[in-house]
Amino acid sequence: MPNTIQEIYTQVISTLPPTERFQLATMILNGLVEQNNDAVDVSDTWTDQDQLDLAAFSWQYAASAFPEDGKIAK
């Protein structure tokens, strides 16, 4: 039986079909909302780090979607 989160993911969750993984993710997120856990930041404000993270992800995505050779990635 798996003992760590990584082992659980590798041995159990990653073997599930995508629809079941999506259902599991939904159940986990709904459970967090119902717990009203303080670990989940529900503020509507973006910190400087949030904005930097978004910009970095956007640039990374754009670089992969629009490579320098001019071909659009599928």
PDB file of N, CA and C in Angstrom:
ATOM      1  N   MET A   1       0.852  -1.181   0.000  1.00  0.00           N
ATOM      2  CA  MET A   1       0.000   0.000   0.000  1.00  0.00           C
ATOM      3  C   MET A   1       0.896   1.242   0.000  1.00  0.00           C
ATOM      4  N   PRO A   2       0.570   2.237  -0.836  1.00  0.00           N
ATOM      5  CA  PRO A   2       1.387   3.448  -0.902  1.00  0.00           C
ATOM      6  C   PRO A   2       1.346   4.231   0.410  1.00  0.00           C
ATOM      7  N   ASN A   3       2.485   4.851   0.739  1.00  0.00           N
ATOM      8  CA  ASN A   3       2.591   5.577   2.006  1.00  0.00           C
ATOM      9  C   ASN A   3       2.692   7.085   1.841  1.00  0.00           C
ATOM     10  N   THR A   4       3.140   7.557   0.696  1.00  0.00           N
ATOM     11  CA  THR A   4       3.297   8.995   0.496  1.00  0.00           C
ATOM     12  C   THR A   4       2.312   9.474  -0.564  1.00  0.00           C
ATOM     13  N   ILE A   5       2.124  10.766  -0.604  1.00  0.00           N
ATOM     14  CA  ILE A   5       1.226  11.347  -1.609  1.00  0.00           C
ATOM     15  C   ILE A   5       1.722  11.026  -3.012  1.00  0.00           C
ATOM     16  N   GLN A   6       3.041  11.117  -3.218  1.00  0.00           N
ATOM     17  CA  GLN A   6       3.607  10.819  -4.535  1.00  0.00           C
ATOM     18  C   GLN A   6       3.347   9.363  -4.923  1.00  0.00           C
ATOM     19  N   GLU A   7       3.503   8.448  -3.972  1.00  0.00           N
ATOM     20  CA  GLU A   7       3.238   7.037  -4.254  1.00  0.00           C
ATOM     21  C   GLU A   7       1.764   6.806  -4.574  1.00  0.00           C
ATOM     22  N   ILE A   8       0.889   7.459  -3.838  1.00  0.00           N
ATOM     23  CA  ILE A   8      -0.553   7.337  -4.099  1.00  0.00           C
ATOM     24  C   ILE A   8      -0.865   7.821  -5.508  1.00  0.00           C
ATOM     25  N   TYR A   9      -0.283   8.960  -5.878  1.00  0.00           N
ATOM     26  CA  TYR A   9      -0.532   9.494  -7.219  1.00  0.00           C
ATOM     27  C   TYR A   9       0.000   8.541  -8.288  1.00  0.00           C
ATOM     28  N   THR A  10       1.246   8.099  -8.114  1.00  0.00           N
ATOM     29  CA  THR A  10       1.880   7.255  -9.122  1.00  0.00           C
ATOM     30  C   THR A  10       1.199   5.900  -9.255  1.00  0.00           C
ATOM     31  N   GLN A  11       0.893   5.274  -8.131  1.00  0.00           N
ATOM     32  CA  GLN A  11       0.374   3.909  -8.159  1.00  0.00           C
ATOM     33  C   GLN A  11      -1.139   3.824  -8.338  1.00  0.00           C
ATOM     34  N   VAL A  12      -1.861   4.852  -7.928  1.00  0.00           N
ATOM     35  CA  VAL A  12      -3.322   4.760  -7.961  1.00  0.00           C
ATOM     36  C   VAL A  12      -3.933   5.791  -8.903  1.00  0.00           C
ATOM     37  N   ILE A  13      -3.703   7.052  -8.618  1.00  0.00           N
ATOM     38  CA  ILE A  13      -4.418   8.115  -9.328  1.00  0.00           C
ATOM     39  C   ILE A  13      -4.030   8.202 -10.793  1.00  0.00           C
ATOM     40  N   SER A  14      -2.729   8.110 -11.097  1.00  0.00           N
ATOM     41  CA  SER A  14      -2.305   8.251 -12.494  1.00  0.00           C
ATOM     42  C   SER A  14      -2.804   7.109 -13.375  1.00  0.00           C
ATOM     43  N   THR A  15      -3.231   6.014 -12.771  1.00  0.00           N
ATOM     44  CA  THR A  15      -3.751   4.889 -13.560  1.00  0.00           C
ATOM     45  C   THR A  15      -5.238   5.040 -13.879  1.00  0.00           C
ATOM     46  N   LEU A  16      -5.899   5.988 -13.245  1.00  0.00           N
ATOM     47  CA  LEU A  16      -7.328   6.204 -13.488  1.00  0.00           C
ATOM     48  C   LEU A  16      -7.540   6.880 -14.835  1.00  0.00           C
ATOM     49  N   PRO A  17      -8.683   6.653 -15.462  1.00  0.00           N
ATOM     50  CA  PRO A  17      -9.017   7.388 -16.685  1.00  0.00           C
ATOM     51  C   PRO A  17      -9.176   8.880 -16.364  1.00  0.00           C
ATOM     52  N   PRO A  18      -8.958   9.736 -17.354  1.00  0.00           N
ATOM     53  CA  PRO A  18      -9.051  11.181 -17.121  1.00  0.00           C
ATOM     54  C   PRO A  18     -10.361  11.629 -16.483  1.00  0.00           C
ATOM     55  N   THR A  19     -11.477  11.031 -16.867  1.00  0.00           N
ATOM     56  CA  THR A  19     -12.759  11.465 -16.292  1.00  0.00           C
ATOM     57  C   THR A  19     -12.818  11.180 -14.795  1.00  0.00           C
ATOM     58  N   GLU A  20     -12.266  10.036 -14.387  1.00  0.00           N
ATOM     59  CA  GLU A  20     -12.272   9.713 -12.961  1.00  0.00           C
ATOM     60  C   GLU A  20     -11.287  10.590 -12.187  1.00  0.00           C
ATOM     61  N   ARG A  21     -10.157  10.937 -12.813  1.00  0.00           N
ATOM     62  CA  ARG A  21      -9.216  11.850 -12.146  1.00  0.00           C
ATOM     63  C   ARG A  21      -9.857  13.222 -11.967  1.00  0.00           C
ATOM     64  N   PHE A  22     -10.620  13.651 -12.969  1.00  0.00           N
ATOM     65  CA  PHE A  22     -11.316  14.933 -12.863  1.00  0.00           C
ATOM     66  C   PHE A  22     -12.355  14.886 -11.750  1.00  0.00           C
ATOM     67  N   GLN A  23     -13.088  13.785 -11.652  1.00  0.00           N
ATOM     68  CA  GLN A  23     -14.072  13.636 -10.574  1.00  0.00           C
ATOM     69  C   GLN A  23     -13.388  13.668  -9.212  1.00  0.00           C
ATOM     70  N   LEU A  24     -12.239  13.013  -9.097  1.00  0.00           N
ATOM     71  CA  LEU A  24     -11.496  13.008  -7.842  1.00  0.00           C
ATOM     72  C   LEU A  24     -11.024  14.414  -7.490  1.00  0.00           C
ATOM     73  N   ALA A  25     -10.500  15.133  -8.476  1.00  0.00           N
ATOM     74  CA  ALA A  25     -10.052  16.505  -8.232  1.00  0.00           C
ATOM     75  C   ALA A  25     -11.218  17.378  -7.778  1.00  0.00           C
ATOM     76  N   THR A  26     -12.378  17.203  -8.400  1.00  0.00           N
ATOM     77  CA  THR A  26     -13.565  17.961  -8.013  1.00  0.00           C
ATOM     78  C   THR A  26     -13.963  17.652  -6.582  1.00  0.00           C
ATOM     79  N   MET A  27     -13.925  16.372  -6.218  1.00  0.00           N
ATOM     80  CA  MET A  27     -14.271  15.985  -4.851  1.00  0.00           C
ATOM     81  C   MET A  27     -13.305  16.603  -3.839  1.00  0.00           C
ATOM     82  N   ILE A  28     -12.021  16.592  -4.157  1.00  0.00           N
ATOM     83  CA  ILE A  28     -11.020  17.157  -3.248  1.00  0.00           C
ATOM     84  C   ILE A  28     -11.242  18.654  -3.077  1.00  0.00           C
ATOM     85  N   LEU A  29     -11.431  19.364  -4.194  1.00  0.00           N
ATOM     86  CA  LEU A  29     -11.623  20.817  -4.113  1.00  0.00           C
ATOM     87  C   LEU A  29     -12.923  21.167  -3.399  1.00  0.00           C
ATOM     88  N   ASN A  30     -13.992  20.431  -3.674  1.00  0.00           N
ATOM     89  CA  ASN A  30     -15.252  20.688  -2.974  1.00  0.00           C
ATOM     90  C   ASN A  30     -15.106  20.437  -1.483  1.00  0.00           C
ATOM     91  N   GLY A  31     -14.350  19.417  -1.114  1.00  0.00           N
ATOM     92  CA  GLY A  31     -14.100  19.136   0.296  1.00  0.00           C
ATOM     93  C   GLY A  31     -13.359  20.268   0.978  1.00  0.00           C
ATOM     94  N   LEU A  32     -12.404  20.871   0.275  1.00  0.00           N
ATOM     95  CA  LEU A  32     -11.676  22.003   0.847  1.00  0.00           C
ATOM     96  C   LEU A  32     -12.588  23.203   1.050  1.00  0.00           C
ATOM     97  N   VAL A  33     -13.473  23.438   0.089  1.00  0.00           N
ATOM     98  CA  VAL A  33     -14.407  24.558   0.205  1.00  0.00           C
ATOM     99  C   VAL A  33     -15.338  24.341   1.394  1.00  0.00           C
ATOM    100  N   GLU A  34     -15.837  23.128   1.546  1.00  0.00           N
ATOM    101  CA  GLU A  34     -16.760  22.831   2.640  1.00  0.00           C
ATOM    102  C   GLU A  34     -16.095  22.961   4.002  1.00  0.00           C
ATOM    103  N   GLN A  35     -14.806  22.679   4.077  1.00  0.00           N
ATOM    104  CA  GLN A  35     -14.085  22.786   5.343  1.00  0.00           C
ATOM    105  C   GLN A  35     -13.819  24.236   5.718  1.00  0.00           C
ATOM    106  N   ASN A  36     -13.947  25.137   4.737  1.00  0.00           N
ATOM    107  CA  ASN A  36     -13.634  26.546   4.961  1.00  0.00           C
ATOM    108  C   ASN A  36     -12.230  26.673   5.541  1.00  0.00           C
ATOM    109  N   ASN A  37     -11.311  25.985   4.914  1.00  0.00           N
ATOM    110  CA  ASN A  37      -9.929  25.894   5.367  1.00  0.00           C
ATOM    111  C   ASN A  37      -9.203  27.219   5.147  1.00  0.00           C
ATOM    112  N   ASP A  38      -8.504  27.677   6.169  1.00  0.00           N
ATOM    113  CA  ASP A  38      -7.744  28.916   6.056  1.00  0.00           C
ATOM    114  C   ASP A  38      -6.531  28.771   5.144  1.00  0.00           C
ATOM    115  N   ALA A  39      -6.169  27.545   4.790  1.00  0.00           N
ATOM    116  CA  ALA A  39      -5.026  27.330   3.911  1.00  0.00           C
ATOM    117  C   ALA A  39      -5.338  27.751   2.478  1.00  0.00           C
ATOM    118  N   VAL A  40      -6.626  27.866   2.148  1.00  0.00           N
ATOM    119  CA  VAL A  40      -7.026  28.284   0.817  1.00  0.00           C
ATOM    120  C   VAL A  40      -7.260  29.783   0.831  1.00  0.00           C
ATOM    121  N   ASP A  41      -6.479  30.499   0.040  1.00  0.00           N
ATOM    122  CA  ASP A  41      -6.602  31.951  -0.031  1.00  0.00           C
ATOM    123  C   ASP A  41      -7.748  32.303  -0.969  1.00  0.00           C
ATOM    124  N   VAL A  42      -8.798  32.876  -0.436  1.00  0.00           N
ATOM    125  CA  VAL A  42      -9.952  33.226  -1.250  1.00  0.00           C
ATOM    126  C   VAL A  42     -10.057  34.735  -1.478  1.00  0.00           C
ATOM    127  N   SER A  43      -8.981  35.435  -1.243  1.00  0.00           N
ATOM    128  CA  SER A  43      -9.022  36.884  -1.426  1.00  0.00           C
ATOM    129  C   SER A  43      -9.112  37.212  -2.911  1.00  0.00           C
ATOM    130  N   ASP A  44      -9.646  38.358  -3.201  1.00  0.00           N
ATOM    131  CA  ASP A  44      -9.779  38.804  -4.581  1.00  0.00           C
ATOM    132  C   ASP A  44      -8.604  39.663  -5.028  1.00  0.00           C
ATOM    133  N   THR A  45      -7.617  39.813  -4.197  1.00  0.00           N
ATOM    134  CA  THR A  45      -6.479  40.653  -4.547  1.00  0.00           C
ATOM    135  C   THR A  45      -5.320  39.803  -5.046  1.00  0.00           C
ATOM    136  N   TRP A  46      -4.577  40.360  -5.974  1.00  0.00           N
ATOM    137  CA  TRP A  46      -3.411  39.686  -6.525  1.00  0.00           C
ATOM    138  C   TRP A  46      -2.167  40.296  -5.897  1.00  0.00           C
ATOM    139  N   THR A  47      -1.322  39.456  -5.354  1.00  0.00           N
ATOM    140  CA  THR A  47      -0.059  39.943  -4.804  1.00  0.00           C
ATOM    141  C   THR A  47       0.915  40.164  -5.954  1.00  0.00           C
ATOM    142  N   ASP A  48       2.015  40.833  -5.654  1.00  0.00           N
ATOM    143  CA  ASP A  48       3.052  41.014  -6.669  1.00  0.00           C
ATOM    144  C   ASP A  48       3.547  39.658  -7.168  1.00  0.00           C
ATOM    145  N   GLN A  49       3.673  38.696  -6.249  1.00  0.00           N
ATOM    146  CA  GLN A  49       4.142  37.362  -6.645  1.00  0.00           C
ATOM    147  C   GLN A  49       3.132  36.677  -7.553  1.00  0.00           C
ATOM    148  N   ASP A  50       1.840  36.845  -7.271  1.00  0.00           N
ATOM    149  CA  ASP A  50       0.807  36.278  -8.145  1.00  0.00           C
ATOM    150  C   ASP A  50       0.951  36.823  -9.563  1.00  0.00           C
ATOM    151  N   GLN A  51       1.158  38.120  -9.670  1.00  0.00           N
ATOM    152  CA  GLN A  51       1.283  38.753 -10.976  1.00  0.00           C
ATOM    153  C   GLN A  51       2.544  38.299 -11.698  1.00  0.00           C
ATOM    154  N   LEU A  52       3.647  38.144 -10.964  1.00  0.00           N
ATOM    155  CA  LEU A  52       4.884  37.648 -11.567  1.00  0.00           C
ATOM    156  C   LEU A  52       4.706  36.209 -12.055  1.00  0.00           C
ATOM    157  N   ASP A  53       4.036  35.390 -11.248  1.00  0.00           N
ATOM    158  CA  ASP A  53       3.788  33.999 -11.639  1.00  0.00           C
ATOM    159  C   ASP A  53       2.939  33.932 -12.908  1.00  0.00           C
ATOM    160  N   LEU A  54       1.903  34.760 -12.981  1.00  0.00           N
ATOM    161  CA  LEU A  54       1.041  34.782 -14.155  1.00  0.00           C
ATOM    162  C   LEU A  54       1.820  35.216 -15.394  1.00  0.00           C
ATOM    163  N   ALA A  55       2.627  36.256 -15.248  1.00  0.00           N
ATOM    164  CA  ALA A  55       3.417  36.737 -16.378  1.00  0.00           C
ATOM    165  C   ALA A  55       4.399  35.666 -16.852  1.00  0.00           C
ATOM    166  N   ALA A  56       5.064  35.006 -15.908  1.00  0.00           N
ATOM    167  CA  ALA A  56       6.030  33.963 -16.272  1.00  0.00           C
ATOM    168  C   ALA A  56       5.337  32.815 -17.002  1.00  0.00           C
ATOM    169  N   PHE A  57       4.183  32.396 -16.496  1.00  0.00           N
ATOM    170  CA  PHE A  57       3.443  31.321 -17.151  1.00  0.00           C
ATOM    171  C   PHE A  57       2.995  31.756 -18.544  1.00  0.00           C
ATOM    172  N   SER A  58       2.519  32.983 -18.664  1.00  0.00           N
ATOM    173  CA  SER A  58       2.042  33.481 -19.953  1.00  0.00           C
ATOM    174  C   SER A  58       3.160  33.497 -20.986  1.00  0.00           C
ATOM    175  N   TRP A  59       4.334  33.976 -20.571  1.00  0.00           N
ATOM    176  CA  TRP A  59       5.481  34.009 -21.485  1.00  0.00           C
ATOM    177  C   TRP A  59       5.894  32.598 -21.875  1.00  0.00           C
ATOM    178  N   GLN A  60       5.899  31.692 -20.920  1.00  0.00           N
ATOM    179  CA  GLN A  60       6.275  30.305 -21.198  1.00  0.00           C
ATOM    180  C   GLN A  60       5.285  29.672 -22.176  1.00  0.00           C
ATOM    181  N   TYR A  61       4.010  29.907 -21.950  1.00  0.00           N
ATOM    182  CA  TYR A  61       2.994  29.357 -22.846  1.00  0.00           C
ATOM    183  C   TYR A  61       3.130  29.951 -24.248  1.00  0.00           C
ATOM    184  N   ALA A  62       3.313  31.262 -24.320  1.00  0.00           N
ATOM    185  CA  ALA A  62       3.446  31.917 -25.621  1.00  0.00           C
ATOM    186  C   ALA A  62       4.664  31.396 -26.373  1.00  0.00           C
ATOM    187  N   ALA A  63       5.759  31.176 -25.665  1.00  0.00           N
ATOM    188  CA  ALA A  63       6.971  30.672 -26.309  1.00  0.00           C
ATOM    189  C   ALA A  63       6.758  29.266 -26.865  1.00  0.00           C
ATOM    190  N   SER A  64       5.978  28.453 -26.175  1.00  0.00           N
ATOM    191  CA  SER A  64       5.737  27.095 -26.672  1.00  0.00           C
ATOM    192  C   SER A  64       4.676  27.084 -27.773  1.00  0.00           C
ATOM    193  N   ALA A  65       3.721  27.978 -27.701  1.00  0.00           N
ATOM    194  CA  ALA A  65       2.647  28.013 -28.697  1.00  0.00           C
ATOM    195  C   ALA A  65       3.090  28.681 -29.994  1.00  0.00           C
ATOM    196  N   PHE A  66       4.021  29.624 -29.884  1.00  0.00           N
ATOM    197  CA  PHE A  66       4.492  30.375 -31.040  1.00  0.00           C
ATOM    198  C   PHE A  66       6.016  30.338 -31.086  1.00  0.00           C
ATOM    199  N   PRO A  67       6.590  29.216 -31.527  1.00  0.00           N
ATOM    200  CA  PRO A  67       8.047  29.104 -31.564  1.00  0.00           C
ATOM    201  C   PRO A  67       8.649  30.098 -32.549  1.00  0.00           C
ATOM    202  N   GLU A  68       9.947  30.312 -32.415  1.00  0.00           N
ATOM    203  CA  GLU A  68      10.630  31.321 -33.228  1.00  0.00           C
ATOM    204  C   GLU A  68      10.629  30.997 -34.712  1.00  0.00           C
ATOM    205  N   ASP A  69      10.438  29.730 -35.071  1.00  0.00           N
ATOM    206  CA  ASP A  69      10.459  29.386 -36.492  1.00  0.00           C
ATOM    207  C   ASP A  69       9.179  29.807 -37.217  1.00  0.00           C
ATOM    208  N   GLY A  70       8.230  30.366 -36.471  1.00  0.00           N
ATOM    209  CA  GLY A  70       7.020  30.900 -37.074  1.00  0.00           C
ATOM    210  C   GLY A  70       5.891  29.903 -37.228  1.00  0.00           C
ATOM    211  N   LYS A  71       6.160  28.626 -36.946  1.00  0.00           N
ATOM    212  CA  LYS A  71       5.106  27.624 -37.037  1.00  0.00           C
ATOM    213  C   LYS A  71       4.305  27.615 -35.746  1.00  0.00           C
ATOM    214  N   ILE A  72       3.004  27.502 -35.875  1.00  0.00           N
ATOM    215  CA  ILE A  72       2.136  27.465 -34.699  1.00  0.00           C
ATOM    216  C   ILE A  72       2.048  26.027 -34.208  1.00  0.00           C
ATOM    217  N   ALA A  73       2.335  25.843 -32.926  1.00  0.00           N
ATOM    218  CA  ALA A  73       2.274  24.503 -32.332  1.00  0.00           C
ATOM    219  C   ALA A  73       0.831  24.060 -32.184  1.00  0.00           C
ATOM    220  N   LYS A  74       0.599  22.768 -32.325  1.00  0.00           N
ATOM    221  CA  LYS A  74      -0.760  22.238 -32.170  1.00  0.00           C
ATOM    222  C   LYS A  74      -0.927  21.623 -30.828  1.00  0.00           C
TER     223      LYS A  74
END
